[in-house]
């Protein structure tokens, strides 16, 4: 049981990551958890963990002290918070809203200011690692909180979902670290895809040997062991996990943050273009490692 100091939890968005995140809070926090999603099947799955369905967004806002969001991105977060009947219309002073989504930095900072004006604490806490990590409760969470005290207040609940919980700085810092994290991960995926494509085309090096050798040397990384070994090497890029469209969105957020800082990102821009090529080839809903298919095809490899 977490020692959070809160009396009740709300959770909106029970998708690929949100479902297992919420399940861990329901199992470990010892608090009543009220849930909302547009998919009734996802709600039913969480009821088995003791969560209680809400009648809608307003119900969550009116009955829960701390509310978590786990949503696909900017449009969904804006709709749930700012839209007609959204959280902004119902939240009251003293409540806490935690965004676990990968949201753009500018939106997170805007919401922080808007909600603070209503006496509501907003914390950006996007997550990293895989869906299996979400299931296991071993995520890494990057937190933007106005003060260290605000961070430590929410940390016990975040600890229900994660083994690494880091206060990255003020509001927006969590979002910034997350989009840069995904940028680095995907640029590594691109490098692995290029490397294996060259190895296959040359015929000199077995791809399995290539990646095993990488793992034993200076090219070793989380991306190699998880994305490279488990997806790029077997050339299996499943549906229902972190898709090319989602990664394209996250790279766009990183480029937006760079533009706001007066910087250009050539590698991230290329990564975005390669993702768009994969999407155009029909891999938009596949795991983002499907970018290797676009690289192969761009070089004349049969699909």
C-alpha atoms as a PDB file:
ATOM      1  CA  UNK A   1       0.000   0.000   0.000  1.00  0.00           C
ATOM      2  CA  UNK A   2       1.344   3.445  -0.902  1.00  0.00           C
ATOM      3  CA  UNK A   3       1.591   6.189   1.721  1.00  0.00           C
ATOM      4  CA  UNK A   4       0.298   8.919  -0.564  1.00  0.00           C
ATOM      5  CA  UNK A   5      -1.830  10.962   1.787  1.00  0.00           C
ATOM      6  CA  UNK A   6      -4.635  11.016  -0.785  1.00  0.00           C
ATOM      7  CA  UNK A   7      -8.102   9.634  -0.137  1.00  0.00           C
ATOM      8  CA  UNK A   8      -9.278   8.776  -3.660  1.00  0.00           C
ATOM      9  CA  UNK A   9      -7.926   8.318  -7.189  1.00  0.00           C
ATOM     10  CA  UNK A  10      -9.448   8.866 -10.617  1.00  0.00           C
ATOM     11  CA  UNK A  11      -8.027   7.483 -13.857  1.00  0.00           C
ATOM     12  CA  UNK A  12      -9.020   8.556 -17.382  1.00  0.00           C
ATOM     13  CA  UNK A  13      -7.692   6.605 -20.374  1.00  0.00           C
ATOM     14  CA  UNK A  14      -7.319   2.829 -20.078  1.00  0.00           C
ATOM     15  CA  UNK A  15      -5.444   2.025 -23.278  1.00  0.00           C
ATOM     16  CA  UNK A  16      -2.256   0.100 -24.009  1.00  0.00           C
ATOM     17  CA  UNK A  17      -0.352   1.805 -21.182  1.00  0.00           C
ATOM     18  CA  UNK A  18      -3.165   3.331 -19.137  1.00  0.00           C
ATOM     19  CA  UNK A  19      -4.895   0.019 -18.466  1.00  0.00           C
ATOM     20  CA  UNK A  20      -1.945  -1.661 -16.733  1.00  0.00           C
ATOM     21  CA  UNK A  21      -0.895   1.592 -15.063  1.00  0.00           C
ATOM     22  CA  UNK A  22      -4.337   1.926 -13.519  1.00  0.00           C
ATOM     23  CA  UNK A  23      -4.393  -1.751 -12.555  1.00  0.00           C
ATOM     24  CA  UNK A  24      -1.211  -1.309 -10.536  1.00  0.00           C
ATOM     25  CA  UNK A  25      -2.627   1.710  -8.710  1.00  0.00           C
ATOM     26  CA  UNK A  26      -5.836  -0.185  -7.960  1.00  0.00           C
ATOM     27  CA  UNK A  27      -3.908  -3.185  -6.620  1.00  0.00           C
ATOM     28  CA  UNK A  28      -1.178  -1.401  -4.688  1.00  0.00           C
ATOM     29  CA  UNK A  29      -2.390   1.996  -3.486  1.00  0.00           C
ATOM     30  CA  UNK A  30      -5.068   0.813  -1.080  1.00  0.00           C
ATOM     31  CA  UNK A  31      -7.260   3.668  -2.308  1.00  0.00           C
ATOM     32  CA  UNK A  32     -10.621   3.636  -4.098  1.00  0.00           C
ATOM     33  CA  UNK A  33     -10.048   4.127  -7.828  1.00  0.00           C
ATOM     34  CA  UNK A  34     -12.709   5.486 -10.162  1.00  0.00           C
ATOM     35  CA  UNK A  35     -12.133   4.968 -13.897  1.00  0.00           C
ATOM     36  CA  UNK A  36     -13.366   6.347 -17.196  1.00  0.00           C
ATOM     37  CA  UNK A  37     -12.772   5.398 -20.828  1.00  0.00           C
ATOM     38  CA  UNK A  38     -14.882   5.436 -23.966  1.00  0.00           C
ATOM     39  CA  UNK A  39     -14.298   1.675 -24.369  1.00  0.00           C
ATOM     40  CA  UNK A  40     -16.596  -0.379 -22.116  1.00  0.00           C
ATOM     41  CA  UNK A  41     -14.415  -3.494 -22.466  1.00  0.00           C
ATOM     42  CA  UNK A  42     -11.429  -1.653 -21.026  1.00  0.00           C
ATOM     43  CA  UNK A  43     -13.518  -0.497 -18.085  1.00  0.00           C
ATOM     44  CA  UNK A  44     -14.741  -4.056 -17.450  1.00  0.00           C
ATOM     45  CA  UNK A  45     -11.148  -5.339 -17.393  1.00  0.00           C
ATOM     46  CA  UNK A  46     -10.212  -2.858 -14.658  1.00  0.00           C
ATOM     47  CA  UNK A  47     -13.280  -3.664 -12.578  1.00  0.00           C
ATOM     48  CA  UNK A  48     -11.680  -7.056 -11.934  1.00  0.00           C
ATOM     49  CA  UNK A  49      -8.885  -5.192 -10.144  1.00  0.00           C
ATOM     50  CA  UNK A  50     -11.358  -3.388  -7.918  1.00  0.00           C
ATOM     51  CA  UNK A  51     -11.737  -0.118  -9.853  1.00  0.00           C
ATOM     52  CA  UNK A  52     -15.178   1.480 -10.017  1.00  0.00           C
ATOM     53  CA  UNK A  53     -16.619   2.832 -13.307  1.00  0.00           C
ATOM     54  CA  UNK A  54     -17.457   6.524 -13.466  1.00  0.00           C
ATOM     55  CA  UNK A  55     -20.426   7.904 -15.335  1.00  0.00           C
ATOM     56  CA  UNK A  56     -18.198  10.377 -17.144  1.00  0.00           C
ATOM     57  CA  UNK A  57     -15.408  12.922 -16.838  1.00  0.00           C
ATOM     58  CA  UNK A  58     -17.456  15.118 -14.513  1.00  0.00           C
ATOM     59  CA  UNK A  59     -18.018  12.207 -12.142  1.00  0.00           C
ATOM     60  CA  UNK A  60     -14.270  11.586 -11.902  1.00  0.00           C
ATOM     61  CA  UNK A  61     -13.579  15.286 -11.283  1.00  0.00           C
ATOM     62  CA  UNK A  62     -16.266  15.662  -8.649  1.00  0.00           C
ATOM     63  CA  UNK A  63     -15.386  12.578  -6.590  1.00  0.00           C
ATOM     64  CA  UNK A  64     -11.614  12.054  -6.831  1.00  0.00           C
ATOM     65  CA  UNK A  65      -8.854  13.939  -5.054  1.00  0.00           C
ATOM     66  CA  UNK A  66      -6.086  13.081  -7.515  1.00  0.00           C
ATOM     67  CA  UNK A  67      -6.769  12.290 -11.182  1.00  0.00           C
ATOM     68  CA  UNK A  68      -4.462  10.567 -13.668  1.00  0.00           C
ATOM     69  CA  UNK A  69      -4.653  10.929 -17.446  1.00  0.00           C
ATOM     70  CA  UNK A  70      -3.164   8.412 -19.882  1.00  0.00           C
ATOM     71  CA  UNK A  71      -4.121   9.588 -23.367  1.00  0.00           C
ATOM     72  CA  UNK A  72      -2.634   9.402 -26.894  1.00  0.00           C
ATOM     73  CA  UNK A  73      -1.545  13.030 -27.251  1.00  0.00           C
ATOM     74  CA  UNK A  74      -2.407  16.702 -27.615  1.00  0.00           C
ATOM     75  CA  UNK A  75      -5.932  16.438 -29.121  1.00  0.00           C
ATOM     76  CA  UNK A  76      -7.159  13.970 -26.506  1.00  0.00           C
ATOM     77  CA  UNK A  77      -5.573  15.775 -23.554  1.00  0.00           C
ATOM     78  CA  UNK A  78      -7.001  19.095 -24.696  1.00  0.00           C
ATOM     79  CA  UNK A  79     -10.457  17.570 -25.168  1.00  0.00           C
ATOM     80  CA  UNK A  80     -10.508  15.913 -21.735  1.00  0.00           C
ATOM     81  CA  UNK A  81      -9.161  18.958 -19.895  1.00  0.00           C
ATOM     82  CA  UNK A  82     -10.383  21.960 -21.891  1.00  0.00           C
ATOM     83  CA  UNK A  83     -13.277  20.584 -23.933  1.00  0.00           C
ATOM     84  CA  UNK A  84     -16.982  21.012 -23.251  1.00  0.00           C
ATOM     85  CA  UNK A  85     -17.766  19.132 -20.067  1.00  0.00           C
ATOM     86  CA  UNK A  86     -14.041  18.654 -19.460  1.00  0.00           C
ATOM     87  CA  UNK A  87     -12.038  18.701 -16.280  1.00  0.00           C
ATOM     88  CA  UNK A  88     -11.499  22.466 -16.247  1.00  0.00           C
ATOM     89  CA  UNK A  89     -15.237  22.942 -15.764  1.00  0.00           C
ATOM     90  CA  UNK A  90     -15.378  20.650 -12.755  1.00  0.00           C
ATOM     91  CA  UNK A  91     -12.085  20.644 -10.869  1.00  0.00           C
ATOM     92  CA  UNK A  92     -11.922  22.563  -7.605  1.00  0.00           C
ATOM     93  CA  UNK A  93      -9.087  24.032  -5.524  1.00  0.00           C
ATOM     94  CA  UNK A  94      -6.930  21.468  -3.780  1.00  0.00           C
ATOM     95  CA  UNK A  95      -7.241  18.731  -6.378  1.00  0.00           C
ATOM     96  CA  UNK A  96      -4.267  17.280  -8.290  1.00  0.00           C
ATOM     97  CA  UNK A  97      -4.184  16.396 -11.995  1.00  0.00           C
ATOM     98  CA  UNK A  98      -1.347  14.164 -13.216  1.00  0.00           C
ATOM     99  CA  UNK A  99      -0.754  13.722 -16.948  1.00  0.00           C
ATOM    100  CA  UNK A 100       0.962  10.403 -17.695  1.00  0.00           C
ATOM    101  CA  UNK A 101       0.521  10.991 -21.439  1.00  0.00           C
ATOM    102  CA  UNK A 102       3.303  12.037 -23.786  1.00  0.00           C
ATOM    103  CA  UNK A 103       2.091  15.595 -24.276  1.00  0.00           C
ATOM    104  CA  UNK A 104       3.818  18.524 -26.001  1.00  0.00           C
ATOM    105  CA  UNK A 105       5.837  20.768 -23.719  1.00  0.00           C
ATOM    106  CA  UNK A 106       3.961  23.951 -24.613  1.00  0.00           C
ATOM    107  CA  UNK A 107       0.570  22.389 -23.831  1.00  0.00           C
ATOM    108  CA  UNK A 108       1.802  21.055 -20.487  1.00  0.00           C
ATOM    109  CA  UNK A 109       3.071  24.493 -19.463  1.00  0.00           C
ATOM    110  CA  UNK A 110      -0.186  26.148 -20.539  1.00  0.00           C
ATOM    111  CA  UNK A 111      -2.276  23.663 -18.579  1.00  0.00           C
ATOM    112  CA  UNK A 112      -0.072  24.117 -15.541  1.00  0.00           C
ATOM    113  CA  UNK A 113      -0.748  27.858 -15.554  1.00  0.00           C
ATOM    114  CA  UNK A 114      -4.478  27.506 -16.259  1.00  0.00           C
ATOM    115  CA  UNK A 115      -5.050  24.937 -13.541  1.00  0.00           C
ATOM    116  CA  UNK A 116      -2.922  26.802 -11.004  1.00  0.00           C
ATOM    117  CA  UNK A 117      -5.227  29.771 -11.547  1.00  0.00           C
ATOM    118  CA  UNK A 118      -8.066  27.534 -10.341  1.00  0.00           C
ATOM    119  CA  UNK A 119      -6.093  26.283  -7.353  1.00  0.00           C
ATOM    120  CA  UNK A 120      -5.440  22.879  -8.958  1.00  0.00           C
ATOM    121  CA  UNK A 121      -1.966  21.339  -8.941  1.00  0.00           C
ATOM    122  CA  UNK A 122      -0.916  20.018 -12.367  1.00  0.00           C
ATOM    123  CA  UNK A 123       1.952  17.555 -12.704  1.00  0.00           C
ATOM    124  CA  UNK A 124       3.342  16.183 -15.957  1.00  0.00           C
ATOM    125  CA  UNK A 125       4.581  12.633 -15.464  1.00  0.00           C
ATOM    126  CA  UNK A 126       5.060  10.838 -18.793  1.00  0.00           C
ATOM    127  CA  UNK A 127       6.254   7.245 -18.700  1.00  0.00           C
ATOM    128  CA  UNK A 128       8.977   5.313 -20.481  1.00  0.00           C
ATOM    129  CA  UNK A 129       9.719   1.637 -21.126  1.00  0.00           C
ATOM    130  CA  UNK A 130       7.480  -1.010 -22.607  1.00  0.00           C
ATOM    131  CA  UNK A 131       3.906  -2.217 -22.158  1.00  0.00           C
ATOM    132  CA  UNK A 132       5.304  -5.202 -20.284  1.00  0.00           C
ATOM    133  CA  UNK A 133       6.957  -2.760 -17.888  1.00  0.00           C
ATOM    134  CA  UNK A 134       3.578  -1.083 -17.419  1.00  0.00           C
ATOM    135  CA  UNK A 135       2.076  -4.480 -16.581  1.00  0.00           C
ATOM    136  CA  UNK A 136       4.926  -5.337 -14.222  1.00  0.00           C
ATOM    137  CA  UNK A 137       4.932  -1.925 -12.546  1.00  0.00           C
ATOM    138  CA  UNK A 138       8.530  -1.269 -13.601  1.00  0.00           C
ATOM    139  CA  UNK A 139       8.107   1.879 -15.682  1.00  0.00           C
ATOM    140  CA  UNK A 140      10.399   4.897 -15.592  1.00  0.00           C
ATOM    141  CA  UNK A 141       8.470   8.104 -14.924  1.00  0.00           C
ATOM    142  CA  UNK A 142       9.801  11.589 -15.663  1.00  0.00           C
ATOM    143  CA  UNK A 143       8.115  14.217 -13.521  1.00  0.00           C
ATOM    144  CA  UNK A 144       7.617  17.936 -13.968  1.00  0.00           C
ATOM    145  CA  UNK A 145       6.323  19.433 -10.712  1.00  0.00           C
ATOM    146  CA  UNK A 146       6.351  23.057  -9.530  1.00  0.00           C
ATOM    147  CA  UNK A 147       8.226  22.249  -6.296  1.00  0.00           C
ATOM    148  CA  UNK A 148      10.062  19.313  -4.708  1.00  0.00           C
ATOM    149  CA  UNK A 149       7.251  19.167  -2.159  1.00  0.00           C
ATOM    150  CA  UNK A 150       4.690  18.691  -4.934  1.00  0.00           C
ATOM    151  CA  UNK A 151       6.841  15.919  -6.399  1.00  0.00           C
ATOM    152  CA  UNK A 152       7.172  14.056  -3.105  1.00  0.00           C
ATOM    153  CA  UNK A 153       3.449  14.359  -2.551  1.00  0.00           C
ATOM    154  CA  UNK A 154       2.634  12.422  -5.729  1.00  0.00           C
ATOM    155  CA  UNK A 155       5.678  10.109  -5.768  1.00  0.00           C
ATOM    156  CA  UNK A 156       4.121   7.270  -3.687  1.00  0.00           C
ATOM    157  CA  UNK A 157       1.298   6.827  -6.209  1.00  0.00           C
ATOM    158  CA  UNK A 158       3.721   6.972  -9.125  1.00  0.00           C
ATOM    159  CA  UNK A 159       5.731   4.322  -7.318  1.00  0.00           C
ATOM    160  CA  UNK A 160       2.799   1.932  -7.736  1.00  0.00           C
ATOM    161  CA  UNK A 161       3.570   1.968 -11.472  1.00  0.00           C
ATOM    162  CA  UNK A 162       7.320   2.476 -11.648  1.00  0.00           C
ATOM    163  CA  UNK A 163      10.703   1.523 -10.281  1.00  0.00           C
ATOM    164  CA  UNK A 164      12.283   4.785 -11.437  1.00  0.00           C
ATOM    165  CA  UNK A 165      10.554   8.081 -10.587  1.00  0.00           C
ATOM    166  CA  UNK A 166      12.629  11.183 -11.311  1.00  0.00           C
ATOM    167  CA  UNK A 167      11.841  14.832 -10.577  1.00  0.00           C
ATOM    168  CA  UNK A 168      13.191  16.444 -13.742  1.00  0.00           C
ATOM    169  CA  UNK A 169      12.306  20.034 -12.863  1.00  0.00           C
ATOM    170  CA  UNK A 170       9.328  22.418 -12.928  1.00  0.00           C
ATOM    171  CA  UNK A 171       6.134  22.036 -14.929  1.00  0.00           C
ATOM    172  CA  UNK A 172       7.015  20.920 -18.457  1.00  0.00           C
ATOM    173  CA  UNK A 173      10.346  19.336 -17.528  1.00  0.00           C
ATOM    174  CA  UNK A 174       8.885  15.827 -17.456  1.00  0.00           C
ATOM    175  CA  UNK A 175       7.333  16.314 -20.877  1.00  0.00           C
ATOM    176  CA  UNK A 176      10.598  17.695 -22.229  1.00  0.00           C
ATOM    177  CA  UNK A 177      12.659  14.755 -20.967  1.00  0.00           C
ATOM    178  CA  UNK A 178      10.110  12.284 -22.345  1.00  0.00           C
ATOM    179  CA  UNK A 179       9.999  13.636 -25.893  1.00  0.00           C
ATOM    180  CA  UNK A 180      13.802  13.870 -25.966  1.00  0.00           C
ATOM    181  CA  UNK A 181      14.021  10.325 -24.600  1.00  0.00           C
ATOM    182  CA  UNK A 182      11.808   9.048 -27.408  1.00  0.00           C
ATOM    183  CA  UNK A 183      13.774  11.057 -29.954  1.00  0.00           C
ATOM    184  CA  UNK A 184      17.015   9.395 -28.838  1.00  0.00           C
ATOM    185  CA  UNK A 185      15.411   5.941 -28.741  1.00  0.00           C
ATOM    186  CA  UNK A 186      14.013   6.256 -32.230  1.00  0.00           C
ATOM    187  CA  UNK A 187      17.187   7.689 -33.709  1.00  0.00           C
ATOM    188  CA  UNK A 188      18.897   4.582 -32.295  1.00  0.00           C
ATOM    189  CA  UNK A 189      16.198   2.413 -33.901  1.00  0.00           C
ATOM    190  CA  UNK A 190      16.989   4.107 -37.215  1.00  0.00           C
ATOM    191  CA  UNK A 191      20.712   3.403 -36.774  1.00  0.00           C
ATOM    192  CA  UNK A 192      20.011  -0.264 -35.954  1.00  0.00           C
ATOM    193  CA  UNK A 193      17.718  -0.516 -38.976  1.00  0.00           C
ATOM    194  CA  UNK A 194      20.376   0.915 -41.252  1.00  0.00           C
ATOM    195  CA  UNK A 195      23.037  -1.379 -39.816  1.00  0.00           C
ATOM    196  CA  UNK A 196      21.014  -4.568 -40.250  1.00  0.00           C
ATOM    197  CA  UNK A 197      19.952  -3.547 -43.759  1.00  0.00           C
ATOM    198  CA  UNK A 198      23.604  -3.139 -44.786  1.00  0.00           C
ATOM    199  CA  UNK A 199      24.533  -6.465 -43.178  1.00  0.00           C
ATOM    200  CA  UNK A 200      21.729  -8.313 -44.962  1.00  0.00           C
ATOM    201  CA  UNK A 201      22.475  -6.699 -48.308  1.00  0.00           C
ATOM    202  CA  UNK A 202      26.216  -7.319 -48.123  1.00  0.00           C
ATOM    203  CA  UNK A 203      25.865 -10.999 -47.302  1.00  0.00           C
ATOM    204  CA  UNK A 204      29.091 -10.813 -45.283  1.00  0.00           C
ATOM    205  CA  UNK A 205      27.609 -10.756 -41.776  1.00  0.00           C
ATOM    206  CA  UNK A 206      24.732 -12.736 -40.330  1.00  0.00           C
ATOM    207  CA  UNK A 207      22.273 -10.236 -38.770  1.00  0.00           C
ATOM    208  CA  UNK A 208      22.011 -12.311 -35.591  1.00  0.00           C
ATOM    209  CA  UNK A 209      25.780 -12.232 -35.218  1.00  0.00           C
ATOM    210  CA  UNK A 210      25.769  -8.485 -35.891  1.00  0.00           C
ATOM    211  CA  UNK A 211      23.369  -7.681 -33.067  1.00  0.00           C
ATOM    212  CA  UNK A 212      24.922 -10.143 -30.622  1.00  0.00           C
ATOM    213  CA  UNK A 213      28.297  -8.536 -31.265  1.00  0.00           C
ATOM    214  CA  UNK A 214      26.785  -5.082 -30.759  1.00  0.00           C
ATOM    215  CA  UNK A 215      25.360  -6.283 -27.428  1.00  0.00           C
ATOM    216  CA  UNK A 216      28.814  -7.291 -26.274  1.00  0.00           C
ATOM    217  CA  UNK A 217      30.460  -4.040 -27.282  1.00  0.00           C
ATOM    218  CA  UNK A 218      30.102  -0.292 -27.245  1.00  0.00           C
ATOM    219  CA  UNK A 219      26.927  -0.279 -29.401  1.00  0.00           C
ATOM    220  CA  UNK A 220      24.948  -2.033 -26.655  1.00  0.00           C
ATOM    221  CA  UNK A 221      21.759  -0.260 -25.511  1.00  0.00           C
ATOM    222  CA  UNK A 222      18.212  -0.732 -24.275  1.00  0.00           C
ATOM    223  CA  UNK A 223      17.042  -0.019 -27.826  1.00  0.00           C
ATOM    224  CA  UNK A 224      19.273  -2.770 -29.207  1.00  0.00           C
ATOM    225  CA  UNK A 225      18.121  -5.396 -26.704  1.00  0.00           C
ATOM    226  CA  UNK A 226      14.428  -4.575 -26.819  1.00  0.00           C
ATOM    227  CA  UNK A 227      13.663  -2.984 -30.179  1.00  0.00           C
ATOM    228  CA  UNK A 228      16.564  -4.432 -32.142  1.00  0.00           C
ATOM    229  CA  UNK A 229      16.689  -8.026 -30.904  1.00  0.00           C
ATOM    230  CA  UNK A 230      12.942  -8.495 -30.402  1.00  0.00           C
ATOM    231  CA  UNK A 231      11.539  -6.682 -33.463  1.00  0.00           C
ATOM    232  CA  UNK A 232      14.093  -5.511 -36.032  1.00  0.00           C
ATOM    233  CA  UNK A 233      16.100  -8.767 -36.100  1.00  0.00           C
ATOM    234  CA  UNK A 234      13.102 -11.112 -36.588  1.00  0.00           C
ATOM    235  CA  UNK A 235      11.443  -8.418 -38.746  1.00  0.00           C
ATOM    236  CA  UNK A 236       8.270  -8.631 -36.676  1.00  0.00           C
ATOM    237  CA  UNK A 237       6.486  -5.327 -36.064  1.00  0.00           C
ATOM    238  CA  UNK A 238       3.207  -6.059 -34.346  1.00  0.00           C
ATOM    239  CA  UNK A 239       0.007  -4.077 -34.032  1.00  0.00           C
ATOM    240  CA  UNK A 240      -1.418  -2.666 -30.815  1.00  0.00           C
ATOM    241  CA  UNK A 241       1.905  -1.484 -29.393  1.00  0.00           C
ATOM    242  CA  UNK A 242       3.852   1.760 -29.778  1.00  0.00           C
ATOM    243  CA  UNK A 243       3.101   2.472 -33.419  1.00  0.00           C
ATOM    244  CA  UNK A 244       4.832   4.439 -36.143  1.00  0.00           C
ATOM    245  CA  UNK A 245       2.076   7.057 -35.890  1.00  0.00           C
ATOM    246  CA  UNK A 246       2.648   7.476 -32.149  1.00  0.00           C
ATOM    247  CA  UNK A 247       6.396   7.769 -32.555  1.00  0.00           C
ATOM    248  CA  UNK A 248       5.937  10.249 -35.406  1.00  0.00           C
ATOM    249  CA  UNK A 249       3.812  12.352 -33.061  1.00  0.00           C
ATOM    250  CA  UNK A 250       6.444  12.230 -30.315  1.00  0.00           C
ATOM    251  CA  UNK A 251       9.283  13.186 -32.668  1.00  0.00           C
ATOM    252  CA  UNK A 252       7.154  16.112 -33.830  1.00  0.00           C
ATOM    253  CA  UNK A 253       6.814  17.245 -30.209  1.00  0.00           C
ATOM    254  CA  UNK A 254      10.606  17.094 -29.810  1.00  0.00           C
ATOM    255  CA  UNK A 255      11.115  19.144 -32.974  1.00  0.00           C
ATOM    256  CA  UNK A 256       8.522  21.680 -31.735  1.00  0.00           C
ATOM    257  CA  UNK A 257      10.437  22.015 -28.448  1.00  0.00           C
ATOM    258  CA  UNK A 258      13.691  22.516 -30.361  1.00  0.00           C
ATOM    259  CA  UNK A 259      12.133  25.147 -32.598  1.00  0.00           C
ATOM    260  CA  UNK A 260      10.876  27.017 -29.520  1.00  0.00           C
ATOM    261  CA  UNK A 261      14.473  26.968 -28.223  1.00  0.00           C
ATOM    262  CA  UNK A 262      15.795  28.306 -31.528  1.00  0.00           C
ATOM    263  CA  UNK A 263      17.405  25.053 -32.625  1.00  0.00           C
ATOM    264  CA  UNK A 264      17.216  22.823 -35.695  1.00  0.00           C
ATOM    265  CA  UNK A 265      17.499  19.033 -35.285  1.00  0.00           C
ATOM    266  CA  UNK A 266      18.757  17.432 -38.518  1.00  0.00           C
ATOM    267  CA  UNK A 267      18.759  13.851 -37.210  1.00  0.00           C
ATOM    268  CA  UNK A 268      15.301  14.150 -35.638  1.00  0.00           C
ATOM    269  CA  UNK A 269      13.995  15.693 -38.857  1.00  0.00           C
ATOM    270  CA  UNK A 270      15.348  12.753 -40.857  1.00  0.00           C
ATOM    271  CA  UNK A 271      13.840  10.339 -38.331  1.00  0.00           C
ATOM    272  CA  UNK A 272      10.485  12.043 -38.767  1.00  0.00           C
ATOM    273  CA  UNK A 273      10.737  11.734 -42.552  1.00  0.00           C
ATOM    274  CA  UNK A 274      11.597   8.026 -42.299  1.00  0.00           C
ATOM    275  CA  UNK A 275       8.603   7.457 -40.034  1.00  0.00           C
ATOM    276  CA  UNK A 276       6.379   9.246 -42.508  1.00  0.00           C
ATOM    277  CA  UNK A 277       7.722   6.982 -45.262  1.00  0.00           C
ATOM    278  CA  UNK A 278       6.866   3.908 -43.154  1.00  0.00           C
ATOM    279  CA  UNK A 279       3.376   5.293 -42.592  1.00  0.00           C
ATOM    280  CA  UNK A 280       2.968   5.966 -46.315  1.00  0.00           C
ATOM    281  CA  UNK A 281       3.982   2.347 -47.008  1.00  0.00           C
ATOM    282  CA  UNK A 282       1.138   1.138 -44.802  1.00  0.00           C
ATOM    283  CA  UNK A 283       2.988   0.587 -41.520  1.00  0.00           C
ATOM    284  CA  UNK A 284       1.385   3.427 -39.577  1.00  0.00           C
ATOM    285  CA  UNK A 285      -0.283   1.094 -37.076  1.00  0.00           C
ATOM    286  CA  UNK A 286       2.681  -1.262 -36.786  1.00  0.00           C
ATOM    287  CA  UNK A 287       5.334  -1.071 -34.089  1.00  0.00           C
ATOM    288  CA  UNK A 288       7.638   1.826 -34.965  1.00  0.00           C
ATOM    289  CA  UNK A 289      10.504  -0.595 -35.669  1.00  0.00           C
ATOM    290  CA  UNK A 290       8.759  -1.154 -39.016  1.00  0.00           C
ATOM    291  CA  UNK A 291      10.858   1.787 -40.177  1.00  0.00           C
ATOM    292  CA  UNK A 292      13.373  -0.892 -41.216  1.00  0.00           C
ATOM    293  CA  UNK A 293      10.926  -1.962 -43.924  1.00  0.00           C
ATOM    294  CA  UNK A 294      10.987   1.533 -45.383  1.00  0.00           C
ATOM    295  CA  UNK A 295      14.782   1.653 -45.308  1.00  0.00           C
ATOM    296  CA  UNK A 296      15.001  -1.742 -47.026  1.00  0.00           C
ATOM    297  CA  UNK A 297      12.462  -0.791 -49.667  1.00  0.00           C
ATOM    298  CA  UNK A 298      14.085   2.589 -50.252  1.00  0.00           C
ATOM    299  CA  UNK A 299      17.244   0.701 -51.169  1.00  0.00           C
ATOM    300  CA  UNK A 300      15.424  -1.692 -53.469  1.00  0.00           C
ATOM    301  CA  UNK A 301      14.897  -4.583 -51.035  1.00  0.00           C
ATOM    302  CA  UNK A 302      11.837  -6.682 -51.941  1.00  0.00           C
ATOM    303  CA  UNK A 303       9.031  -6.313 -49.396  1.00  0.00           C
END
